[in-house]
PDB file of N, CA and C in Angstrom:
ATOM      1  N   MET A   1       0.840  -1.127   0.119  1.00  0.00           N
ATOM      2  CA  MET A   1       0.187   0.342   0.024  1.00  0.00           C
ATOM      3  C   MET A   1       0.765   1.727   0.183  1.00  0.00           C
ATOM      4  N   GLU A   2       0.491   2.298  -0.621  1.00  0.00           N
ATOM      5  CA  GLU A   2       1.433   3.438  -0.729  1.00  0.00           C
ATOM      6  C   GLU A   2       0.808   4.267  -0.157  1.00  0.00           C
ATOM      7  N   ARG A   3       1.711   5.167   0.718  1.00  0.00           N
ATOM      8  CA  ARG A   3       0.841   6.126   1.858  1.00  0.00           C
ATOM      9  C   ARG A   3       1.771   7.410   1.061  1.00  0.00           C
ATOM     10  N   SER A   4       0.672   8.483   2.143  1.00  0.00           N
ATOM     11  CA  SER A   4       0.606   9.946   1.404  1.00  0.00           C
ATOM     12  C   SER A   4       1.473  10.389   2.398  1.00  0.00           C
ATOM     13  N   SER A   5       1.990  11.587   1.577  1.00  0.00           N
ATOM     14  CA  SER A   5       2.689  11.718   2.858  1.00  0.00           C
ATOM     15  C   SER A   5       2.005  12.800   3.791  1.00  0.00           C
ATOM     16  N   PRO A   6       2.772  12.741   5.012  1.00  0.00           N
ATOM     17  CA  PRO A   6       1.785  12.947   6.264  1.00  0.00           C
ATOM     18  C   PRO A   6       1.806  15.307   6.053  1.00  0.00           C
ATOM     19  N   ALA A   7       2.259  15.628   4.332  1.00  0.00           N
ATOM     20  CA  ALA A   7       1.307  17.021   4.771  1.00  0.00           C
ATOM     21  C   ALA A   7       0.311  16.743   3.862  1.00  0.00           C
ATOM     22  N   ASP A   8       0.165  15.321   3.243  1.00  0.00           N
ATOM     23  CA  ASP A   8      -1.331  15.320   2.215  1.00  0.00           C
ATOM     24  C   ASP A   8      -2.945  15.209   3.013  1.00  0.00           C
ATOM     25  N   LEU A   9      -2.392  14.237   4.336  1.00  0.00           N
ATOM     26  CA  LEU A   9      -2.964  14.450   5.062  1.00  0.00           C
ATOM     27  C   LEU A   9      -3.880  15.897   6.086  1.00  0.00           C
ATOM     28  N   SER A  10      -2.508  16.676   6.418  1.00  0.00           N
ATOM     29  CA  SER A  10      -2.961  17.368   6.920  1.00  0.00           C
ATOM     30  C   SER A  10      -4.722  18.747   6.171  1.00  0.00           C
ATOM     31  N   GLU A  11      -4.797  19.308   7.133  1.00  0.00           N
ATOM     32  CA  GLU A  11      -6.193  19.800   6.538  1.00  0.00           C
ATOM     33  C   GLU A  11      -5.998  21.347   5.789  1.00  0.00           C
ATOM     34  N   ASN A  12      -4.184  21.415   5.871  1.00  0.00           N
ATOM     35  CA  ASN A  12      -3.569  22.036   4.534  1.00  0.00           C
ATOM     36  C   ASN A  12      -2.438  22.107   4.752  1.00  0.00           C
ATOM     37  N   PRO A  13      -2.380  21.373   3.563  1.00  0.00           N
ATOM     38  CA  PRO A  13      -1.142  20.345   3.146  1.00  0.00           C
ATOM     39  C   PRO A  13      -0.050  21.894   2.131  1.00  0.00           C
ATOM     40  N   ALA A  14      -0.342  22.887   2.324  1.00  0.00           N
ATOM     41  CA  ALA A  14       0.194  23.564   1.495  1.00  0.00           C
ATOM     42  C   ALA A  14       1.000  24.504   2.393  1.00  0.00           C
ATOM     43  N   VAL A  15       0.432  24.125   4.128  1.00  0.00           N
ATOM     44  CA  VAL A  15       1.630  24.855   4.676  1.00  0.00           C
ATOM     45  C   VAL A  15       2.644  23.928   5.866  1.00  0.00           C
ATOM     46  N   ALA A  16       3.822  23.538   5.494  1.00  0.00           N
ATOM     47  CA  ALA A  16       4.638  22.636   5.441  1.00  0.00           C
ATOM     48  C   ALA A  16       5.017  22.343   7.248  1.00  0.00           C
ATOM     49  N   LEU A  17       4.924  20.755   7.696  1.00  0.00           N
ATOM     50  CA  LEU A  17       4.977  20.690   8.858  1.00  0.00           C
ATOM     51  C   LEU A  17       6.108  21.315   9.541  1.00  0.00           C
ATOM     52  N   PRO A  18       6.688  21.575  10.856  1.00  0.00           N
ATOM     53  CA  PRO A  18       7.642  21.960  11.154  1.00  0.00           C
ATOM     54  C   PRO A  18       8.261  20.618  11.461  1.00  0.00           C
ATOM     55  N   PRO A  19       9.681  20.581  12.145  1.00  0.00           N
ATOM     56  CA  PRO A  19      10.604  19.189  11.901  1.00  0.00           C
ATOM     57  C   PRO A  19       9.927  18.328  12.965  1.00  0.00           C
ATOM     58  N   ILE A  20       9.321  18.663  13.876  1.00  0.00           N
ATOM     59  CA  ILE A  20       9.444  17.507  14.966  1.00  0.00           C
ATOM     60  C   ILE A  20       7.954  16.771  14.708  1.00  0.00           C
ATOM     61  N   PRO A  21       6.524  17.071  14.550  1.00  0.00           N
ATOM     62  CA  PRO A  21       5.593  16.729  14.298  1.00  0.00           C
ATOM     63  C   PRO A  21       5.958  16.200  12.690  1.00  0.00           C
ATOM     64  N   GLN A  22       6.908  17.348  11.517  1.00  0.00           N
ATOM     65  CA  GLN A  22       6.928  15.976  10.329  1.00  0.00           C
ATOM     66  C   GLN A  22       8.148  14.529  11.211  1.00  0.00           C
ATOM     67  N   HIS A  23       8.738  14.323  11.554  1.00  0.00           N
ATOM     68  CA  HIS A  23       9.488  13.771  12.310  1.00  0.00           C
ATOM     69  C   HIS A  23       8.426  12.326  12.791  1.00  0.00           C
ATOM     70  N   VAL A  24       7.555  13.128  13.743  1.00  0.00           N
ATOM     71  CA  VAL A  24       7.045  11.830  14.446  1.00  0.00           C
ATOM     72  C   VAL A  24       5.476  11.028  13.480  1.00  0.00           C
ATOM     73  N   ALA A  25       5.305  12.462  12.062  1.00  0.00           N
ATOM     74  CA  ALA A  25       4.395  11.456  10.443  1.00  0.00           C
ATOM     75  C   ALA A  25       5.230  10.838  10.415  1.00  0.00           C
ATOM     76  N   ASP A  26       5.896  10.468  10.223  1.00  0.00           N
ATOM     77  CA  ASP A  26       7.291   9.986   9.027  1.00  0.00           C
ATOM     78  C   ASP A  26       7.408   8.194  10.001  1.00  0.00           C
ATOM     79  N   GLU A  27       7.860   9.063  11.192  1.00  0.00           N
ATOM     80  CA  GLU A  27       7.793   7.938  11.864  1.00  0.00           C
ATOM     81  C   GLU A  27       6.803   6.639  12.347  1.00  0.00           C
ATOM     82  N   HIS A  28       5.830   7.645  12.547  1.00  0.00           N
ATOM     83  CA  HIS A  28       4.373   6.947  12.897  1.00  0.00           C
ATOM     84  C   HIS A  28       3.259   7.513  12.660  1.00  0.00           C
ATOM     85  N   PRO A  29       3.260   6.854  10.641  1.00  0.00           N
ATOM     86  CA  PRO A  29       2.225   7.580   9.939  1.00  0.00           C
ATOM     87  C   PRO A  29       1.432   6.783  10.003  1.00  0.00           C
ATOM     88  N   ASP A  30       0.584   5.507  10.751  1.00  0.00           N
ATOM     89  CA  ASP A  30      -0.544   5.137  11.115  1.00  0.00           C
ATOM     90  C   ASP A  30      -1.371   6.189  11.876  1.00  0.00           C
ATOM     91  N   VAL A  31      -0.422   6.661  13.310  1.00  0.00           N
ATOM     92  CA  VAL A  31      -0.503   7.586  14.315  1.00  0.00           C
ATOM     93  C   VAL A  31      -1.315   8.610  13.678  1.00  0.00           C
ATOM     94  N   TRP A  32      -0.165   9.592  12.794  1.00  0.00           N
ATOM     95  CA  TRP A  32      -0.388  10.886  12.192  1.00  0.00           C
ATOM     96  C   TRP A  32      -1.708  10.768  11.181  1.00  0.00           C
ATOM     97  N   ALA A  33      -1.975   9.278  10.443  1.00  0.00           N
ATOM     98  CA  ALA A  33      -3.437   8.903   9.665  1.00  0.00           C
ATOM     99  C   ALA A  33      -4.289   9.286  10.456  1.00  0.00           C
ATOM    100  N   ALA A  34      -5.083   8.684  11.834  1.00  0.00           N
ATOM    101  CA  ALA A  34      -5.453   8.526  12.795  1.00  0.00           C
ATOM    102  C   ALA A  34      -6.215   9.596  13.087  1.00  0.00           C
ATOM    103  N   VAL A  35      -4.874  10.884  14.105  1.00  0.00           N
ATOM    104  CA  VAL A  35      -4.734  12.051  14.311  1.00  0.00           C
ATOM    105  C   VAL A  35      -5.510  12.553  12.968  1.00  0.00           C
ATOM    106  N   GLN A  36      -4.851  13.043  11.962  1.00  0.00           N
ATOM    107  CA  GLN A  36      -5.784  13.783  10.770  1.00  0.00           C
ATOM    108  C   GLN A  36      -7.273  13.328  10.519  1.00  0.00           C
ATOM    109  N   GLN A  37      -7.577  11.890  10.378  1.00  0.00           N
ATOM    110  CA  GLN A  37      -8.864  11.816  10.214  1.00  0.00           C
ATOM    111  C   GLN A  37      -9.841  12.309  10.985  1.00  0.00           C
ATOM    112  N   LEU A  38      -9.125  12.158  12.643  1.00  0.00           N
ATOM    113  CA  LEU A  38     -10.222  12.691  13.813  1.00  0.00           C
ATOM    114  C   LEU A  38      -9.984  14.017  13.466  1.00  0.00           C
ATOM    115  N   GLY A  39      -8.981  14.907  12.886  1.00  0.00           N
ATOM    116  CA  GLY A  39      -9.450  16.402  13.019  1.00  0.00           C
ATOM    117  C   GLY A  39     -10.581  16.374  11.981  1.00  0.00           C
ATOM    118  N   THR A  40     -10.951  15.996  10.814  1.00  0.00           N
ATOM    119  CA  THR A  40     -11.877  16.131  10.030  1.00  0.00           C
ATOM    120  C   THR A  40     -12.548  15.351  10.154  1.00  0.00           C
ATOM    121  N   ALA A  41     -12.958  14.157  11.153  1.00  0.00           N
ATOM    122  CA  ALA A  41     -14.093  14.164  11.853  1.00  0.00           C
ATOM    123  C   ALA A  41     -14.981  15.140  12.545  1.00  0.00           C
ATOM    124  N   VAL A  42     -14.306  15.947  13.764  1.00  0.00           N
ATOM    125  CA  VAL A  42     -14.844  16.959  13.853  1.00  0.00           C
ATOM    126  C   VAL A  42     -14.882  18.352  13.585  1.00  0.00           C
ATOM    127  N   GLY A  43     -14.544  18.521  12.948  1.00  0.00           N
ATOM    128  CA  GLY A  43     -13.872  19.552  12.057  1.00  0.00           C
ATOM    129  C   GLY A  43     -15.831  19.554  11.295  1.00  0.00           C
ATOM    130  N   GLN A  44     -15.755  18.056  10.552  1.00  0.00           N
ATOM    131  CA  GLN A  44     -17.089  18.349   9.964  1.00  0.00           C
ATOM    132  C   GLN A  44     -18.229  17.934  10.685  1.00  0.00           C
ATOM    133  N   ALA A  45     -18.361  17.942  12.009  1.00  0.00           N
ATOM    134  CA  ALA A  45     -19.526  17.461  13.060  1.00  0.00           C
ATOM    135  C   ALA A  45     -20.461  19.105  13.173  1.00  0.00           C
ATOM    136  N   GLY A  46     -19.574  20.174  12.998  1.00  0.00           N
ATOM    137  CA  GLY A  46     -20.708  21.013  13.034  1.00  0.00           C
ATOM    138  C   GLY A  46     -20.492  22.196  12.345  1.00  0.00           C
ATOM    139  N   PRO A  47     -21.775  23.435  12.443  1.00  0.00           N
ATOM    140  CA  PRO A  47     -22.399  24.472  11.215  1.00  0.00           C
ATOM    141  C   PRO A  47     -21.133  25.304  11.387  1.00  0.00           C
ATOM    142  N   LEU A  48     -19.730  25.391  12.009  1.00  0.00           N
ATOM    143  CA  LEU A  48     -18.553  26.153  12.055  1.00  0.00           C
ATOM    144  C   LEU A  48     -17.658  26.297  10.792  1.00  0.00           C
ATOM    145  N   ASP A  49     -17.698  27.213   9.737  1.00  0.00           N
ATOM    146  CA  ASP A  49     -16.988  27.599   8.409  1.00  0.00           C
ATOM    147  C   ASP A  49     -15.591  27.161   9.131  1.00  0.00           C
ATOM    148  N   GLY A  50     -14.907  27.585   8.353  1.00  0.00           N
ATOM    149  CA  GLY A  50     -13.149  27.514   8.167  1.00  0.00           C
ATOM    150  C   GLY A  50     -12.732  28.214   8.864  1.00  0.00           C
ATOM    151  N   ARG A  51     -13.027  29.571   8.631  1.00  0.00           N
ATOM    152  CA  ARG A  51     -12.773  30.875   9.021  1.00  0.00           C
ATOM    153  C   ARG A  51     -12.838  30.698  10.818  1.00  0.00           C
ATOM    154  N   ALA A  52     -14.049  30.378  11.081  1.00  0.00           N
ATOM    155  CA  ALA A  52     -13.996  29.926  12.491  1.00  0.00           C
ATOM    156  C   ALA A  52     -13.646  29.277  13.996  1.00  0.00           C
ATOM    157  N   LYS A  53     -13.885  28.317  12.091  1.00  0.00           N
ATOM    158  CA  LYS A  53     -12.690  26.875  13.178  1.00  0.00           C
ATOM    159  C   LYS A  53     -11.214  27.487  13.581  1.00  0.00           C
ATOM    160  N   ARG A  54     -10.231  27.971  12.532  1.00  0.00           N
ATOM    161  CA  ARG A  54      -9.273  28.625  12.753  1.00  0.00           C
ATOM    162  C   ARG A  54      -9.234  29.286  13.956  1.00  0.00           C
ATOM    163  N   LEU A  55     -10.059  30.126  13.514  1.00  0.00           N
ATOM    164  CA  LEU A  55      -9.907  31.177  15.384  1.00  0.00           C
ATOM    165  C   LEU A  55      -9.844  30.912  16.142  1.00  0.00           C
ATOM    166  N   VAL A  56     -10.681  29.678  16.423  1.00  0.00           N
ATOM    167  CA  VAL A  56     -11.210  28.786  17.575  1.00  0.00           C
ATOM    168  C   VAL A  56     -10.099  28.031  17.683  1.00  0.00           C
ATOM    169  N   HIS A  57      -9.890  27.249  17.322  1.00  0.00           N
ATOM    170  CA  HIS A  57      -7.943  26.602  17.305  1.00  0.00           C
ATOM    171  C   HIS A  57      -7.345  27.737  17.942  1.00  0.00           C
ATOM    172  N   LEU A  58      -7.301  28.388  17.131  1.00  0.00           N
ATOM    173  CA  LEU A  58      -6.146  29.298  17.820  1.00  0.00           C
ATOM    174  C   LEU A  58      -6.022  29.963  19.122  1.00  0.00           C
ATOM    175  N   ALA A  59      -8.009  30.336  19.577  1.00  0.00           N
ATOM    176  CA  ALA A  59      -7.446  30.379  20.835  1.00  0.00           C
ATOM    177  C   ALA A  59      -7.845  29.535  22.157  1.00  0.00           C
ATOM    178  N   LEU A  60      -8.144  28.587  21.470  1.00  0.00           N
ATOM    179  CA  LEU A  60      -7.439  27.137  22.656  1.00  0.00           C
ATOM    180  C   LEU A  60      -6.989  26.837  22.714  1.00  0.00           C
ATOM    181  N   ALA A  61      -5.589  27.197  21.672  1.00  0.00           N
ATOM    182  CA  ALA A  61      -4.204  26.838  22.060  1.00  0.00           C
ATOM    183  C   ALA A  61      -3.351  27.514  22.353  1.00  0.00           C
ATOM    184  N   ILE A  62      -4.304  29.222  22.770  1.00  0.00           N
ATOM    185  CA  ILE A  62      -3.863  30.327  23.525  1.00  0.00           C
ATOM    186  C   ILE A  62      -4.404  29.311  24.947  1.00  0.00           C
ATOM    187  N   GLY A  63      -5.033  29.031  24.818  1.00  0.00           N
ATOM    188  CA  GLY A  63      -5.679  28.930  26.116  1.00  0.00           C
ATOM    189  C   GLY A  63      -4.935  27.504  27.000  1.00  0.00           C
ATOM    190  N   ALA A  64      -4.865  26.986  25.968  1.00  0.00           N
ATOM    191  CA  ALA A  64      -3.369  26.013  26.624  1.00  0.00           C
ATOM    192  C   ALA A  64      -1.983  25.850  26.232  1.00  0.00           C
ATOM    193  N   ASN A  65      -1.647  27.207  26.374  1.00  0.00           N
ATOM    194  CA  ASN A  65      -0.261  27.154  26.753  1.00  0.00           C
ATOM    195  C   ASN A  65       0.571  26.637  25.394  1.00  0.00           C
ATOM    196  N   SER A  66       0.218  26.245  24.607  1.00  0.00           N
ATOM    197  CA  SER A  66       0.492  26.066  23.829  1.00  0.00           C
ATOM    198  C   SER A  66       1.151  26.210  22.687  1.00  0.00           C
ATOM    199  N   HIS A  67       2.945  26.744  22.583  1.00  0.00           N
ATOM    200  CA  HIS A  67       3.519  27.665  21.710  1.00  0.00           C
ATOM    201  C   HIS A  67       3.533  27.055  20.763  1.00  0.00           C
ATOM    202  N   GLY A  68       3.922  25.743  20.085  1.00  0.00           N
ATOM    203  CA  GLY A  68       3.693  25.213  19.613  1.00  0.00           C
ATOM    204  C   GLY A  68       2.479  25.126  18.183  1.00  0.00           C
ATOM    205  N   ALA A  69       1.363  25.271  18.727  1.00  0.00           N
ATOM    206  CA  ALA A  69       0.108  24.967  18.534  1.00  0.00           C
ATOM    207  C   ALA A  69      -0.303  26.269  17.819  1.00  0.00           C
ATOM    208  N   VAL A  70       0.082  27.111  18.873  1.00  0.00           N
ATOM    209  CA  VAL A  70      -0.439  28.946  18.573  1.00  0.00           C
ATOM    210  C   VAL A  70       0.340  29.334  17.341  1.00  0.00           C
ATOM    211  N   HIS A  71       1.328  28.937  17.269  1.00  0.00           N
ATOM    212  CA  HIS A  71       2.442  29.043  15.955  1.00  0.00           C
ATOM    213  C   HIS A  71       1.811  28.468  14.314  1.00  0.00           C
ATOM    214  N   SER A  72       1.225  27.486  14.832  1.00  0.00           N
ATOM    215  CA  SER A  72       0.643  26.564  13.694  1.00  0.00           C
ATOM    216  C   SER A  72      -1.121  27.310  13.122  1.00  0.00           C
ATOM    217  N   HIS A  73      -1.412  26.877  14.249  1.00  0.00           N
ATOM    218  CA  HIS A  73      -2.202  28.079  13.812  1.00  0.00           C
ATOM    219  C   HIS A  73      -2.449  29.220  13.514  1.00  0.00           C
ATOM    220  N   ALA A  74      -1.657  29.924  13.798  1.00  0.00           N
ATOM    221  CA  ALA A  74      -1.632  31.246  13.286  1.00  0.00           C
ATOM    222  C   ALA A  74      -0.900  31.151  11.841  1.00  0.00           C
ATOM    223  N   ARG A  75       0.046  30.037  11.203  1.00  0.00           N
ATOM    224  CA  ARG A  75       0.725  30.014  10.003  1.00  0.00           C
ATOM    225  C   ARG A  75      -0.539  29.683   9.149  1.00  0.00           C
ATOM    226  N   ARG A  76      -1.455  28.953   9.362  1.00  0.00           N
ATOM    227  CA  ARG A  76      -2.075  28.382   9.084  1.00  0.00           C
ATOM    228  C   ARG A  76      -3.047  29.181   8.514  1.00  0.00           C
ATOM    229  N   GLY A  77      -3.284  30.184   9.697  1.00  0.00           N
ATOM    230  CA  GLY A  77      -4.741  30.868   9.864  1.00  0.00           C
ATOM    231  C   GLY A  77      -4.413  32.161   8.548  1.00  0.00           C
ATOM    232  N   LEU A  78      -3.059  32.833   8.110  1.00  0.00           N
ATOM    233  CA  LEU A  78      -2.840  33.786   7.006  1.00  0.00           C
ATOM    234  C   LEU A  78      -2.593  32.654   6.094  1.00  0.00           C
ATOM    235  N   ALA A  79      -2.796  31.175   5.943  1.00  0.00           N
ATOM    236  CA  ALA A  79      -2.116  30.660   4.819  1.00  0.00           C
ATOM    237  C   ALA A  79      -4.116  31.019   4.342  1.00  0.00           C
ATOM    238  N   GLU A  80      -4.362  30.855   5.554  1.00  0.00           N
ATOM    239  CA  GLU A  80      -6.070  30.358   4.815  1.00  0.00           C
ATOM    240  C   GLU A  80      -6.935  32.220   4.378  1.00  0.00           C
ATOM    241  N   GLY A  81      -6.162  33.068   4.331  1.00  0.00           N
ATOM    242  CA  GLY A  81      -6.934  34.443   4.332  1.00  0.00           C
ATOM    243  C   GLY A  81      -6.953  35.077   5.338  1.00  0.00           C
ATOM    244  N   LEU A  82      -6.811  34.126   6.803  1.00  0.00           N
ATOM    245  CA  LEU A  82      -7.251  35.533   8.008  1.00  0.00           C
ATOM    246  C   LEU A  82      -6.122  36.602   7.937  1.00  0.00           C
ATOM    247  N   THR A  83      -6.302  37.741   8.416  1.00  0.00           N
ATOM    248  CA  THR A  83      -5.261  39.196   8.557  1.00  0.00           C
ATOM    249  C   THR A  83      -4.594  38.932   9.998  1.00  0.00           C
ATOM    250  N   ALA A  84      -3.260  39.455   9.897  1.00  0.00           N
ATOM    251  CA  ALA A  84      -2.397  39.366  11.109  1.00  0.00           C
ATOM    252  C   ALA A  84      -3.104  40.166  12.501  1.00  0.00           C
ATOM    253  N   ALA A  85      -4.156  41.163  12.044  1.00  0.00           N
ATOM    254  CA  ALA A  85      -4.936  41.826  12.983  1.00  0.00           C
ATOM    255  C   ALA A  85      -6.059  40.474  13.555  1.00  0.00           C
ATOM    256  N   GLU A  86      -6.711  39.984  12.827  1.00  0.00           N
ATOM    257  CA  GLU A  86      -7.807  39.248  13.065  1.00  0.00           C
ATOM    258  C   GLU A  86      -7.154  38.136  14.755  1.00  0.00           C
ATOM    259  N   LEU A  87      -5.917  37.608  13.825  1.00  0.00           N
ATOM    260  CA  LEU A  87      -5.189  36.490  14.986  1.00  0.00           C
ATOM    261  C   LEU A  87      -5.057  37.205  16.212  1.00  0.00           C
ATOM    262  N   GLU A  88      -4.373  38.359  15.730  1.00  0.00           N
ATOM    263  CA  GLU A  88      -3.514  39.174  17.172  1.00  0.00           C
ATOM    264  C   GLU A  88      -4.667  39.560  18.288  1.00  0.00           C
ATOM    265  N   HIS A  89      -6.271  40.000  17.525  1.00  0.00           N
ATOM    266  CA  HIS A  89      -7.452  40.393  18.252  1.00  0.00           C
ATOM    267  C   HIS A  89      -7.911  39.139  19.199  1.00  0.00           C
ATOM    268  N   VAL A  90      -7.460  37.400  18.487  1.00  0.00           N
ATOM    269  CA  VAL A  90      -7.424  36.579  19.357  1.00  0.00           C
ATOM    270  C   VAL A  90      -7.139  36.190  20.679  1.00  0.00           C
ATOM    271  N   ALA A  91      -5.906  36.757  20.893  1.00  0.00           N
ATOM    272  CA  ALA A  91      -4.789  36.522  21.503  1.00  0.00           C
ATOM    273  C   ALA A  91      -5.053  37.506  22.671  1.00  0.00           C
ATOM    274  N   LEU A  92      -5.487  38.967  22.288  1.00  0.00           N
ATOM    275  CA  LEU A  92      -6.233  40.273  22.837  1.00  0.00           C
ATOM    276  C   LEU A  92      -7.530  39.462  23.847  1.00  0.00           C
ATOM    277  N   LEU A  93      -8.719  38.733  23.046  1.00  0.00           N
ATOM    278  CA  LEU A  93      -9.502  38.423  23.991  1.00  0.00           C
ATOM    279  C   LEU A  93      -9.306  37.481  24.714  1.00  0.00           C
ATOM    280  N   ALA A  94      -8.079  36.961  25.065  1.00  0.00           N
ATOM    281  CA  ALA A  94      -7.553  35.966  26.332  1.00  0.00           C
ATOM    282  C   ALA A  94      -7.687  37.155  27.124  1.00  0.00           C
ATOM    283  N   THR A  95      -7.736  38.111  27.255  1.00  0.00           N
ATOM    284  CA  THR A  95      -6.782  39.050  28.340  1.00  0.00           C
ATOM    285  C   THR A  95      -8.436  38.192  29.594  1.00  0.00           C
ATOM    286  N   THR A  96      -9.663  38.606  29.402  1.00  0.00           N
ATOM    287  CA  THR A  96     -10.556  38.595  30.160  1.00  0.00           C
ATOM    288  C   THR A  96     -11.020  37.304  30.916  1.00  0.00           C
ATOM    289  N   THR A  97     -10.251  36.403  30.119  1.00  0.00           N
ATOM    290  CA  THR A  97     -11.013  34.560  30.303  1.00  0.00           C
ATOM    291  C   THR A  97      -9.403  34.453  30.994  1.00  0.00           C
ATOM    292  N   LEU A  98      -8.138  34.015  30.708  1.00  0.00           N
ATOM    293  CA  LEU A  98      -7.215  33.709  30.740  1.00  0.00           C
ATOM    294  C   LEU A  98      -6.516  34.400  31.855  1.00  0.00           C
ATOM    295  N   GLY A  99      -6.657  36.135  31.469  1.00  0.00           N
ATOM    296  CA  GLY A  99      -5.507  37.208  32.770  1.00  0.00           C
ATOM    297  C   GLY A  99      -4.533  37.502  30.974  1.00  0.00           C
ATOM    298  N   TRP A 100      -4.089  38.605  31.813  1.00  0.00           N
ATOM    299  CA  TRP A 100      -2.664  39.629  31.178  1.00  0.00           C
ATOM    300  C   TRP A 100      -1.399  38.928  30.953  1.00  0.00           C
ATOM    301  N   PRO A 101      -0.982  38.179  31.403  1.00  0.00           N
ATOM    302  CA  PRO A 101       0.058  37.462  31.253  1.00  0.00           C
ATOM    303  C   PRO A 101      -0.331  36.632  29.914  1.00  0.00           C
ATOM    304  N   GLN A 102      -1.107  35.634  30.597  1.00  0.00           N
ATOM    305  CA  GLN A 102      -1.174  34.565  28.901  1.00  0.00           C
ATOM    306  C   GLN A 102      -1.709  35.299  28.266  1.00  0.00           C
ATOM    307  N   ALA A 103      -2.467  36.136  28.075  1.00  0.00           N
ATOM    308  CA  ALA A 103      -2.974  37.063  26.784  1.00  0.00           C
ATOM    309  C   ALA A 103      -2.160  37.332  25.710  1.00  0.00           C
ATOM    310  N   VAL A 104      -1.022  38.207  26.779  1.00  0.00           N
ATOM    311  CA  VAL A 104       0.138  38.455  26.367  1.00  0.00           C
ATOM    312  C   VAL A 104       1.478  37.242  25.502  1.00  0.00           C
ATOM    313  N   LYS A 105       1.458  36.485  25.656  1.00  0.00           N
ATOM    314  CA  LYS A 105       2.135  35.265  25.747  1.00  0.00           C
ATOM    315  C   LYS A 105       1.235  34.906  24.457  1.00  0.00           C
ATOM    316  N   GLY A 106       0.313  34.703  24.293  1.00  0.00           N
ATOM    317  CA  GLY A 106       0.014  34.170  23.174  1.00  0.00           C
ATOM    318  C   GLY A 106       0.282  35.401  22.216  1.00  0.00           C
ATOM    319  N   LEU A 107      -0.520  36.671  22.382  1.00  0.00           N
ATOM    320  CA  LEU A 107      -0.159  37.848  21.328  1.00  0.00           C
ATOM    321  C   LEU A 107       1.449  37.573  20.929  1.00  0.00           C
ATOM    322  N   THR A 108       2.169  37.765  21.577  1.00  0.00           N
ATOM    323  CA  THR A 108       3.809  37.198  21.394  1.00  0.00           C
ATOM    324  C   THR A 108       4.170  36.039  20.589  1.00  0.00           C
ATOM    325  N   TRP A 109       3.301  35.074  20.749  1.00  0.00           N
ATOM    326  CA  TRP A 109       3.553  33.869  19.674  1.00  0.00           C
ATOM    327  C   TRP A 109       2.966  33.897  18.727  1.00  0.00           C
ATOM    328  N   VAL A 110       2.043  34.958  18.665  1.00  0.00           N
ATOM    329  CA  VAL A 110       1.265  34.954  17.257  1.00  0.00           C
ATOM    330  C   VAL A 110       2.173  35.612  16.442  1.00  0.00           C
ATOM    331  N   LYS A 111       2.247  37.080  16.505  1.00  0.00           N
ATOM    332  CA  LYS A 111       3.821  37.731  16.352  1.00  0.00           C
ATOM    333  C   LYS A 111       4.114  37.505  15.724  1.00  0.00           C
ATOM    334  N   ASP A 112       5.011  36.531  16.670  1.00  0.00           N
ATOM    335  CA  ASP A 112       6.057  35.450  15.929  1.00  0.00           C
ATOM    336  C   ASP A 112       6.127  35.380  14.492  1.00  0.00           C
ATOM    337  N   VAL A 113       4.551  34.836  14.485  1.00  0.00           N
ATOM    338  CA  VAL A 113       4.296  34.039  12.681  1.00  0.00           C
ATOM    339  C   VAL A 113       4.154  35.660  12.009  1.00  0.00           C
ATOM    340  N   THR A 114       3.150  36.240  12.597  1.00  0.00           N
ATOM    341  CA  THR A 114       2.589  37.422  11.785  1.00  0.00           C
ATOM    342  C   THR A 114       3.695  38.701  11.118  1.00  0.00           C
ATOM    343  N   GLN A 115       4.697  39.008  12.222  1.00  0.00           N
ATOM    344  CA  GLN A 115       5.784  39.505  11.796  1.00  0.00           C
ATOM    345  C   GLN A 115       6.856  38.688  11.103  1.00  0.00           C
ATOM    346  N   ALA A 116       7.237  37.501  11.470  1.00  0.00           N
ATOM    347  CA  ALA A 116       7.703  37.520  10.606  1.00  0.00           C
ATOM    348  C   ALA A 116       7.578  36.963   8.773  1.00  0.00           C
ATOM    349  N   THR A 117       5.917  36.643   8.634  1.00  0.00           N
ATOM    350  CA  THR A 117       4.899  36.981   7.487  1.00  0.00           C
ATOM    351  C   THR A 117       5.515  38.317   6.784  1.00  0.00           C
ATOM    352  N   SER A 118       5.398  38.997   7.838  1.00  0.00           N
ATOM    353  CA  SER A 118       5.698  40.352   7.571  1.00  0.00           C
ATOM    354  C   SER A 118       6.755  41.134   6.651  1.00  0.00           C
ATOM    355  N   ASP A 119       7.775  40.163   7.207  1.00  0.00           N
ATOM    356  CA  ASP A 119       9.091  40.743   6.834  1.00  0.00           C
ATOM    357  C   ASP A 119       9.989  40.281   5.934  1.00  0.00           C
ATOM    358  N   GLU A 120       9.018  38.777   4.970  1.00  0.00           N
ATOM    359  CA  GLU A 120       9.278  38.019   4.177  1.00  0.00           C
ATOM    360  C   GLU A 120       9.194  39.077   3.000  1.00  0.00           C
TER     361      GLU A 120
END
């Protein structure tokens, strides 16, 4: 059986995987495929459109204190047409729920991506 590349199974194959997730996907392709299939299933289980789902994923990543996931969802959000201002606004919205320090941390992680993209 011919295997797809890990990026082909991603919800946005145009955005390259960072080295560590790429390594995990290469070393454990069946696990990677199962995680991607679960993501597809939960994404299709409700009425939210792609834009709303990406913003929710970003907010959840900030709330989970997941540096890598914030970078990932910010990169994919930009690739899907969201603006830097929209992504940064999600981080600011974290202030009243998560507190100022977590919101600023999230904003810093989002800006890692949005500013790198604007510098290119």
